[in-house]
């Protein structure tokens, strides 16, 4: 497996946009992924960054993002890992951990001391050094659990 950073490998931009749109997008968010991924390549700041997990045969099987805010009320916290996804056929092999580690590494290089995420999953992220911090609120009226990792 290899992790591709779109910032470091802009030739994967269109592949990343399609993959994120397919697994996370809807008719209201397709342009969000297009715009954010397209503009990360030449960004002056260390955020955002978008990642693809690719097999030896160049099949994309997972993704994640490293962003300033995941559409949640706690804008005082950043950076955030978002859109972590592993294709069903590859789950249960800790491939999500690889993406989390890459995001942690890049956050540390960017000068950050911790990493956040929001989710409704309980038990998954705790295995990888995240601990529950608080509840956050989304603009669409839902809430999510906020997790923090200080082990970068």
N, C-alpha and C. Protein backbone atom coordinates (compact mmCIF):
# COMPACT_ATOMS: atom_id res chain seq x y z
N UNK A 1 0.83 -1.18 0.00
CA UNK A 1 0.00 0.00 0.00
C UNK A 1 0.88 1.24 0.00
N UNK A 2 0.38 2.26 -0.66
CA UNK A 2 1.07 3.55 -0.58
C UNK A 2 0.03 4.65 -0.40
N UNK A 3 0.46 5.70 0.27
CA UNK A 3 -0.40 6.86 0.50
C UNK A 3 0.09 7.97 -0.40
N UNK A 4 -0.83 8.52 -1.16
CA UNK A 4 -0.54 9.62 -2.06
C UNK A 4 -1.09 10.90 -1.46
N UNK A 5 -0.25 11.89 -1.29
CA UNK A 5 -0.66 13.23 -0.91
C UNK A 5 -0.91 14.00 -2.20
N UNK A 6 -2.10 14.56 -2.35
CA UNK A 6 -2.41 15.31 -3.57
C UNK A 6 -1.52 16.54 -3.68
N UNK A 7 -1.18 17.15 -2.55
CA UNK A 7 -0.27 18.32 -2.60
C UNK A 7 1.08 17.95 -3.18
N UNK A 8 1.57 16.78 -2.80
CA UNK A 8 2.89 16.33 -3.25
C UNK A 8 2.83 15.66 -4.62
N UNK A 9 1.65 15.22 -5.02
CA UNK A 9 1.46 14.50 -6.29
C UNK A 9 0.23 15.06 -7.01
N UNK A 10 0.33 16.27 -7.54
CA UNK A 10 -0.85 16.90 -8.13
C UNK A 10 -1.43 16.15 -9.33
N UNK A 11 -0.67 15.24 -9.89
CA UNK A 11 -1.20 14.45 -11.00
C UNK A 11 -2.36 13.54 -10.55
N UNK A 12 -2.52 13.36 -9.24
CA UNK A 12 -3.62 12.56 -8.69
C UNK A 12 -4.85 13.41 -8.35
N UNK A 13 -4.81 14.70 -8.66
CA UNK A 13 -5.91 15.61 -8.29
C UNK A 13 -7.26 15.11 -8.79
N UNK A 14 -7.38 14.82 -10.07
CA UNK A 14 -8.67 14.42 -10.62
C UNK A 14 -9.14 13.08 -10.06
N UNK A 15 -8.20 12.17 -9.84
CA UNK A 15 -8.53 10.88 -9.23
C UNK A 15 -9.07 11.10 -7.83
N UNK A 16 -8.41 11.98 -7.07
CA UNK A 16 -8.85 12.26 -5.70
C UNK A 16 -10.22 12.91 -5.69
N UNK A 17 -10.42 13.89 -6.54
CA UNK A 17 -11.73 14.56 -6.59
C UNK A 17 -12.83 13.54 -6.86
N UNK A 18 -12.64 12.70 -7.85
CA UNK A 18 -13.65 11.69 -8.18
C UNK A 18 -13.90 10.74 -7.03
N UNK A 19 -12.83 10.30 -6.37
CA UNK A 19 -12.98 9.32 -5.28
C UNK A 19 -13.70 9.94 -4.08
N UNK A 20 -13.31 11.14 -3.69
CA UNK A 20 -13.98 11.80 -2.57
C UNK A 20 -15.44 12.10 -2.91
N UNK A 21 -15.70 12.59 -4.10
CA UNK A 21 -17.08 12.88 -4.49
C UNK A 21 -17.93 11.61 -4.48
N UNK A 22 -17.36 10.52 -4.94
CA UNK A 22 -18.10 9.25 -4.98
C UNK A 22 -18.46 8.77 -3.58
N UNK A 23 -17.52 8.87 -2.65
CA UNK A 23 -17.73 8.26 -1.33
C UNK A 23 -18.26 9.24 -0.28
N UNK A 24 -18.08 10.53 -0.48
CA UNK A 24 -18.50 11.51 0.52
C UNK A 24 -19.43 12.57 -0.03
N UNK A 25 -19.49 12.72 -1.32
CA UNK A 25 -20.24 13.81 -1.91
C UNK A 25 -21.71 13.52 -2.11
N UNK A 26 -22.44 14.59 -2.29
CA UNK A 26 -23.82 14.53 -2.73
C UNK A 26 -24.01 15.73 -3.64
N UNK A 27 -25.20 15.92 -4.16
CA UNK A 27 -25.41 17.01 -5.13
C UNK A 27 -25.07 18.38 -4.56
N UNK A 28 -25.11 18.52 -3.25
CA UNK A 28 -24.80 19.81 -2.63
C UNK A 28 -23.33 20.00 -2.31
N UNK A 29 -22.54 18.93 -2.32
CA UNK A 29 -21.14 19.03 -1.87
C UNK A 29 -20.10 18.69 -2.94
N UNK A 30 -20.53 18.35 -4.13
CA UNK A 30 -19.57 17.97 -5.16
C UNK A 30 -18.55 19.08 -5.42
N UNK A 31 -19.01 20.29 -5.48
CA UNK A 31 -18.10 21.41 -5.74
C UNK A 31 -17.20 21.71 -4.55
N UNK A 32 -17.63 21.38 -3.34
CA UNK A 32 -16.78 21.59 -2.17
C UNK A 32 -15.51 20.75 -2.32
N UNK A 33 -15.67 19.47 -2.66
CA UNK A 33 -14.50 18.61 -2.83
C UNK A 33 -13.66 19.05 -4.03
N UNK A 34 -14.32 19.40 -5.13
CA UNK A 34 -13.58 19.85 -6.30
C UNK A 34 -12.72 21.07 -5.97
N UNK A 35 -13.34 22.07 -5.35
CA UNK A 35 -12.65 23.32 -5.07
C UNK A 35 -11.54 23.15 -4.03
N UNK A 36 -11.83 22.45 -2.96
CA UNK A 36 -10.85 22.29 -1.88
C UNK A 36 -9.65 21.47 -2.33
N UNK A 37 -9.90 20.37 -3.01
CA UNK A 37 -8.80 19.52 -3.47
C UNK A 37 -7.98 20.24 -4.54
N UNK A 38 -8.65 20.91 -5.47
CA UNK A 38 -7.94 21.64 -6.52
C UNK A 38 -7.03 22.72 -5.94
N UNK A 39 -7.50 23.41 -4.92
CA UNK A 39 -6.75 24.54 -4.37
C UNK A 39 -5.75 24.18 -3.29
N UNK A 40 -5.70 22.93 -2.88
CA UNK A 40 -4.70 22.54 -1.87
C UNK A 40 -3.30 22.47 -2.46
N UNK A 41 -3.21 22.27 -3.74
CA UNK A 41 -1.92 22.00 -4.39
C UNK A 41 -0.95 23.17 -4.23
N UNK A 42 -1.43 24.38 -4.41
CA UNK A 42 -0.55 25.55 -4.33
C UNK A 42 -0.79 26.38 -3.07
N UNK A 43 -1.44 25.81 -2.08
CA UNK A 43 -1.74 26.54 -0.85
C UNK A 43 -0.45 26.95 -0.14
N UNK A 44 -0.43 28.16 0.39
CA UNK A 44 0.74 28.65 1.11
C UNK A 44 0.85 28.04 2.50
N UNK A 45 -0.28 27.72 3.10
CA UNK A 45 -0.31 27.14 4.44
C UNK A 45 -0.25 25.61 4.37
N UNK A 46 0.06 24.94 5.48
CA UNK A 46 0.17 23.48 5.45
C UNK A 46 -1.17 22.75 5.30
N UNK A 47 -2.27 23.48 5.41
CA UNK A 47 -3.59 22.88 5.25
C UNK A 47 -4.30 23.56 4.08
N UNK A 48 -5.15 22.83 3.38
CA UNK A 48 -5.53 21.44 3.55
C UNK A 48 -4.60 20.50 2.80
N UNK A 49 -4.78 19.22 3.09
CA UNK A 49 -4.11 18.17 2.34
C UNK A 49 -5.11 17.02 2.18
N UNK A 50 -5.02 16.33 1.08
CA UNK A 50 -5.94 15.23 0.78
C UNK A 50 -5.11 14.03 0.39
N UNK A 51 -5.54 12.85 0.86
CA UNK A 51 -4.76 11.63 0.69
C UNK A 51 -5.58 10.53 0.03
N UNK A 52 -4.89 9.73 -0.76
CA UNK A 52 -5.46 8.51 -1.33
C UNK A 52 -4.62 7.33 -0.87
N UNK A 53 -5.28 6.23 -0.55
CA UNK A 53 -4.59 4.98 -0.24
C UNK A 53 -4.71 4.10 -1.47
N UNK A 54 -3.57 3.67 -1.99
CA UNK A 54 -3.52 2.99 -3.28
C UNK A 54 -2.78 1.66 -3.14
N UNK A 55 -3.31 0.64 -3.81
CA UNK A 55 -2.67 -0.67 -3.80
C UNK A 55 -1.49 -0.67 -4.78
N UNK A 56 -0.75 -1.77 -4.76
CA UNK A 56 0.39 -1.93 -5.67
C UNK A 56 -0.06 -1.90 -7.12
N UNK A 57 -1.33 -2.24 -7.39
CA UNK A 57 -1.85 -2.24 -8.76
C UNK A 57 -2.53 -0.91 -9.11
N UNK A 58 -2.29 0.13 -8.26
CA UNK A 58 -2.81 1.48 -8.48
C UNK A 58 -4.33 1.59 -8.30
N UNK A 59 -4.92 0.65 -7.57
CA UNK A 59 -6.35 0.75 -7.24
C UNK A 59 -6.50 1.63 -6.00
N UNK A 60 -7.34 2.64 -6.09
CA UNK A 60 -7.61 3.50 -4.95
C UNK A 60 -8.60 2.78 -4.04
N UNK A 61 -8.20 2.58 -2.78
CA UNK A 61 -9.07 1.84 -1.85
C UNK A 61 -9.43 2.64 -0.60
N UNK A 62 -8.93 3.88 -0.49
CA UNK A 62 -9.24 4.67 0.69
C UNK A 62 -8.84 6.12 0.52
N UNK A 63 -9.31 6.94 1.47
CA UNK A 63 -9.01 8.36 1.39
C UNK A 63 -9.14 9.00 2.77
N UNK A 64 -8.62 10.20 2.88
CA UNK A 64 -8.77 11.02 4.08
C UNK A 64 -8.33 12.44 3.72
N UNK A 65 -8.75 13.38 4.55
CA UNK A 65 -8.33 14.77 4.37
C UNK A 65 -7.78 15.33 5.66
N UNK A 66 -6.95 16.33 5.55
CA UNK A 66 -6.41 17.07 6.69
C UNK A 66 -6.78 18.52 6.44
N UNK A 67 -7.69 19.06 7.26
CA UNK A 67 -8.32 20.34 6.96
C UNK A 67 -8.37 21.25 8.20
N UNK A 68 -8.82 22.49 8.00
CA UNK A 68 -8.90 23.44 9.10
C UNK A 68 -10.16 23.28 9.93
N UNK A 69 -11.26 22.80 9.34
CA UNK A 69 -12.50 22.61 10.10
C UNK A 69 -13.41 21.67 9.34
N UNK A 70 -14.04 20.74 10.05
CA UNK A 70 -14.89 19.73 9.42
C UNK A 70 -16.37 20.10 9.58
N UNK A 71 -16.73 21.31 9.20
CA UNK A 71 -18.12 21.79 9.28
C UNK A 71 -18.70 21.58 10.67
N UNK A 72 -17.94 21.96 11.69
CA UNK A 72 -18.37 21.75 13.06
C UNK A 72 -18.12 23.03 13.87
N UNK A 73 -18.88 23.20 14.93
CA UNK A 73 -18.90 24.44 15.69
C UNK A 73 -17.57 24.79 16.38
N UNK A 74 -16.71 23.85 16.62
CA UNK A 74 -15.47 24.10 17.36
C UNK A 74 -14.37 24.61 16.42
N UNK A 75 -14.56 25.81 15.96
CA UNK A 75 -13.58 26.41 15.05
C UNK A 75 -12.31 26.85 15.76
N UNK A 76 -12.30 26.74 17.09
CA UNK A 76 -11.09 27.03 17.86
C UNK A 76 -10.11 25.87 17.81
N UNK A 77 -10.55 24.73 17.30
CA UNK A 77 -9.73 23.52 17.24
C UNK A 77 -9.32 23.24 15.79
N UNK A 78 -8.06 22.89 15.59
CA UNK A 78 -7.59 22.47 14.27
C UNK A 78 -6.16 21.98 14.40
N UNK A 79 -5.74 21.15 13.46
CA UNK A 79 -6.38 20.67 12.24
C UNK A 79 -7.28 19.46 12.50
N UNK A 80 -8.07 19.14 11.51
CA UNK A 80 -9.03 18.04 11.57
C UNK A 80 -8.71 17.00 10.51
N UNK A 81 -8.84 15.75 10.88
CA UNK A 81 -8.84 14.69 9.87
C UNK A 81 -10.30 14.51 9.48
N UNK A 82 -10.54 14.39 8.21
CA UNK A 82 -11.92 14.25 7.73
C UNK A 82 -11.99 13.19 6.65
N UNK A 83 -13.21 12.79 6.36
CA UNK A 83 -13.51 11.94 5.20
C UNK A 83 -12.67 10.67 5.15
N UNK A 84 -12.37 10.10 6.31
CA UNK A 84 -11.64 8.82 6.31
C UNK A 84 -12.56 7.74 5.77
N UNK A 85 -12.09 7.03 4.78
CA UNK A 85 -12.89 5.99 4.14
C UNK A 85 -11.98 4.89 3.62
N UNK A 86 -12.39 3.65 3.86
CA UNK A 86 -11.71 2.47 3.30
C UNK A 86 -12.78 1.64 2.60
N UNK A 87 -12.52 1.23 1.37
CA UNK A 87 -13.48 0.39 0.64
C UNK A 87 -13.79 -0.86 1.45
N UNK A 88 -15.05 -1.27 1.38
CA UNK A 88 -15.52 -2.40 2.20
C UNK A 88 -14.66 -3.65 2.08
N UNK A 89 -14.20 -3.98 0.89
CA UNK A 89 -13.41 -5.20 0.68
C UNK A 89 -12.05 -5.16 1.37
N UNK A 90 -11.64 -3.99 1.82
CA UNK A 90 -10.32 -3.85 2.44
C UNK A 90 -10.38 -3.49 3.92
N UNK A 91 -11.56 -3.47 4.47
CA UNK A 91 -11.71 -3.12 5.88
C UNK A 91 -11.24 -4.26 6.78
N UNK A 92 -10.90 -3.91 8.02
CA UNK A 92 -10.45 -4.90 8.99
C UNK A 92 -8.97 -5.22 8.90
N UNK A 93 -8.24 -4.45 8.12
CA UNK A 93 -6.80 -4.68 7.94
C UNK A 93 -5.97 -3.50 8.42
N UNK A 94 -6.58 -2.59 9.18
CA UNK A 94 -5.91 -1.41 9.74
C UNK A 94 -5.40 -0.44 8.68
N UNK A 95 -6.01 -0.43 7.49
CA UNK A 95 -5.59 0.52 6.47
C UNK A 95 -5.98 1.95 6.85
N UNK A 96 -7.07 2.12 7.59
CA UNK A 96 -7.43 3.44 8.07
C UNK A 96 -6.34 4.03 8.94
N UNK A 97 -5.70 3.17 9.71
CA UNK A 97 -4.59 3.59 10.57
C UNK A 97 -3.47 4.21 9.75
N UNK A 98 -3.19 3.67 8.57
CA UNK A 98 -2.14 4.23 7.72
C UNK A 98 -2.45 5.68 7.34
N UNK A 99 -3.71 5.93 6.99
CA UNK A 99 -4.11 7.29 6.64
C UNK A 99 -4.06 8.21 7.86
N UNK A 100 -4.49 7.71 9.01
CA UNK A 100 -4.41 8.50 10.24
C UNK A 100 -2.97 8.86 10.57
N UNK A 101 -2.07 7.90 10.42
CA UNK A 101 -0.65 8.15 10.70
C UNK A 101 -0.07 9.20 9.75
N UNK A 102 -0.43 9.13 8.49
CA UNK A 102 0.06 10.12 7.52
C UNK A 102 -0.45 11.51 7.88
N UNK A 103 -1.72 11.62 8.24
CA UNK A 103 -2.27 12.91 8.63
C UNK A 103 -1.59 13.44 9.90
N UNK A 104 -1.35 12.56 10.86
CA UNK A 104 -0.64 12.97 12.08
C UNK A 104 0.76 13.46 11.76
N UNK A 105 1.45 12.73 10.90
CA UNK A 105 2.81 13.11 10.50
C UNK A 105 2.82 14.49 9.83
N UNK A 106 1.91 14.69 8.89
CA UNK A 106 1.88 15.96 8.18
C UNK A 106 1.44 17.11 9.09
N UNK A 107 0.54 16.82 10.03
CA UNK A 107 0.14 17.85 11.00
C UNK A 107 1.34 18.27 11.84
N UNK A 108 2.13 17.30 12.27
CA UNK A 108 3.31 17.60 13.08
C UNK A 108 4.31 18.43 12.27
N UNK A 109 4.55 18.04 11.03
CA UNK A 109 5.46 18.79 10.17
C UNK A 109 4.94 20.22 9.95
N UNK A 110 3.61 20.37 9.92
CA UNK A 110 3.00 21.68 9.75
C UNK A 110 3.03 22.54 11.00
N UNK A 111 3.60 22.01 12.09
CA UNK A 111 3.73 22.78 13.31
C UNK A 111 2.60 22.61 14.30
N UNK A 112 1.72 21.65 14.06
CA UNK A 112 0.61 21.42 14.97
C UNK A 112 0.98 20.38 16.02
N UNK A 113 0.33 20.45 17.17
CA UNK A 113 0.67 19.57 18.29
C UNK A 113 -0.40 18.52 18.58
N UNK A 114 -1.55 18.66 17.92
CA UNK A 114 -2.61 17.68 18.10
C UNK A 114 -3.47 17.66 16.84
N UNK A 115 -4.37 16.69 16.78
CA UNK A 115 -5.22 16.49 15.62
C UNK A 115 -6.62 16.14 16.13
N UNK A 116 -7.64 16.64 15.44
CA UNK A 116 -9.02 16.42 15.85
C UNK A 116 -9.79 15.71 14.75
N UNK A 117 -10.92 15.13 15.15
CA UNK A 117 -11.85 14.57 14.18
C UNK A 117 -13.23 14.56 14.81
N UNK A 118 -14.24 14.53 13.97
CA UNK A 118 -15.61 14.39 14.48
C UNK A 118 -16.23 13.17 13.82
N UNK A 119 -17.00 12.44 14.63
CA UNK A 119 -17.55 11.17 14.16
C UNK A 119 -18.70 10.74 15.06
N UNK A 120 -19.46 9.79 14.56
CA UNK A 120 -20.48 9.13 15.37
C UNK A 120 -20.01 7.74 15.78
N UNK A 121 -18.84 7.33 15.29
CA UNK A 121 -18.30 6.01 15.63
C UNK A 121 -17.69 6.04 17.02
N UNK A 122 -17.99 5.03 17.79
CA UNK A 122 -17.41 4.88 19.12
C UNK A 122 -16.59 3.60 19.13
N UNK A 123 -15.33 3.70 19.54
CA UNK A 123 -14.47 2.53 19.65
C UNK A 123 -13.41 2.41 18.58
N UNK A 124 -13.63 2.97 17.40
CA UNK A 124 -12.67 2.84 16.31
C UNK A 124 -11.45 3.73 16.53
N UNK A 125 -11.67 5.01 16.69
CA UNK A 125 -10.56 5.96 16.77
C UNK A 125 -9.78 5.86 18.07
N UNK A 126 -10.43 5.38 19.12
CA UNK A 126 -9.74 5.19 20.39
C UNK A 126 -8.58 4.21 20.25
N UNK A 127 -8.71 3.23 19.35
CA UNK A 127 -7.65 2.25 19.11
C UNK A 127 -6.39 2.90 18.56
N UNK A 128 -6.54 4.09 17.99
CA UNK A 128 -5.43 4.75 17.31
C UNK A 128 -5.00 6.04 17.99
N UNK A 129 -5.23 6.13 19.30
CA UNK A 129 -4.70 7.25 20.07
C UNK A 129 -5.59 8.46 20.19
N UNK A 130 -6.82 8.38 19.76
CA UNK A 130 -7.75 9.50 19.90
C UNK A 130 -8.59 9.30 21.15
N UNK A 131 -8.91 10.40 21.82
CA UNK A 131 -9.78 10.33 22.99
C UNK A 131 -10.92 11.34 22.84
N UNK A 132 -12.06 10.97 23.38
CA UNK A 132 -13.24 11.83 23.30
C UNK A 132 -12.97 13.15 24.00
N UNK A 133 -13.35 14.25 23.37
CA UNK A 133 -13.13 15.58 23.91
C UNK A 133 -14.45 16.29 24.25
N UNK A 134 -15.38 16.29 23.32
CA UNK A 134 -16.61 17.07 23.50
C UNK A 134 -17.61 16.73 22.41
N UNK A 135 -18.75 17.36 22.46
CA UNK A 135 -19.74 17.28 21.39
C UNK A 135 -19.67 18.58 20.60
N UNK A 136 -19.73 18.46 19.28
CA UNK A 136 -19.74 19.62 18.40
C UNK A 136 -21.01 19.62 17.57
N UNK A 137 -21.32 20.76 16.99
CA UNK A 137 -22.59 20.93 16.28
C UNK A 137 -22.34 21.37 14.84
N UNK A 138 -23.07 20.73 13.92
CA UNK A 138 -22.94 21.00 12.49
C UNK A 138 -23.96 22.04 12.04
N UNK A 139 -23.68 22.77 10.96
CA UNK A 139 -24.62 23.77 10.47
C UNK A 139 -25.98 23.19 10.06
N UNK A 140 -26.04 21.91 9.75
CA UNK A 140 -27.30 21.30 9.32
C UNK A 140 -28.12 20.75 10.49
N UNK A 141 -27.71 21.09 11.72
CA UNK A 141 -28.51 20.76 12.88
C UNK A 141 -28.16 19.47 13.61
N UNK A 142 -27.22 18.73 13.13
CA UNK A 142 -26.78 17.49 13.78
C UNK A 142 -25.61 17.78 14.71
N UNK A 143 -25.30 16.80 15.55
CA UNK A 143 -24.11 16.91 16.40
C UNK A 143 -23.23 15.69 16.17
N UNK A 144 -21.97 15.80 16.54
CA UNK A 144 -21.01 14.70 16.43
C UNK A 144 -20.07 14.74 17.62
N UNK A 145 -19.51 13.59 17.91
CA UNK A 145 -18.49 13.48 18.94
C UNK A 145 -17.17 14.03 18.38
N UNK A 146 -16.46 14.80 19.18
CA UNK A 146 -15.16 15.32 18.79
C UNK A 146 -14.09 14.53 19.54
N UNK A 147 -13.10 14.08 18.78
CA UNK A 147 -11.97 13.34 19.33
C UNK A 147 -10.69 14.12 19.10
N UNK A 148 -9.72 13.88 19.98
CA UNK A 148 -8.44 14.57 19.92
C UNK A 148 -7.31 13.55 20.06
N UNK A 149 -6.26 13.75 19.28
CA UNK A 149 -5.05 12.96 19.43
C UNK A 149 -3.89 13.91 19.69
N UNK A 150 -3.18 13.70 20.77
CA UNK A 150 -2.01 14.52 21.07
C UNK A 150 -0.73 13.79 20.71
N UNK A 151 -0.86 12.57 20.25
CA UNK A 151 0.31 11.76 19.92
C UNK A 151 0.60 11.89 18.43
N UNK A 152 1.30 12.95 18.06
CA UNK A 152 1.60 13.15 16.65
C UNK A 152 2.99 12.68 16.30
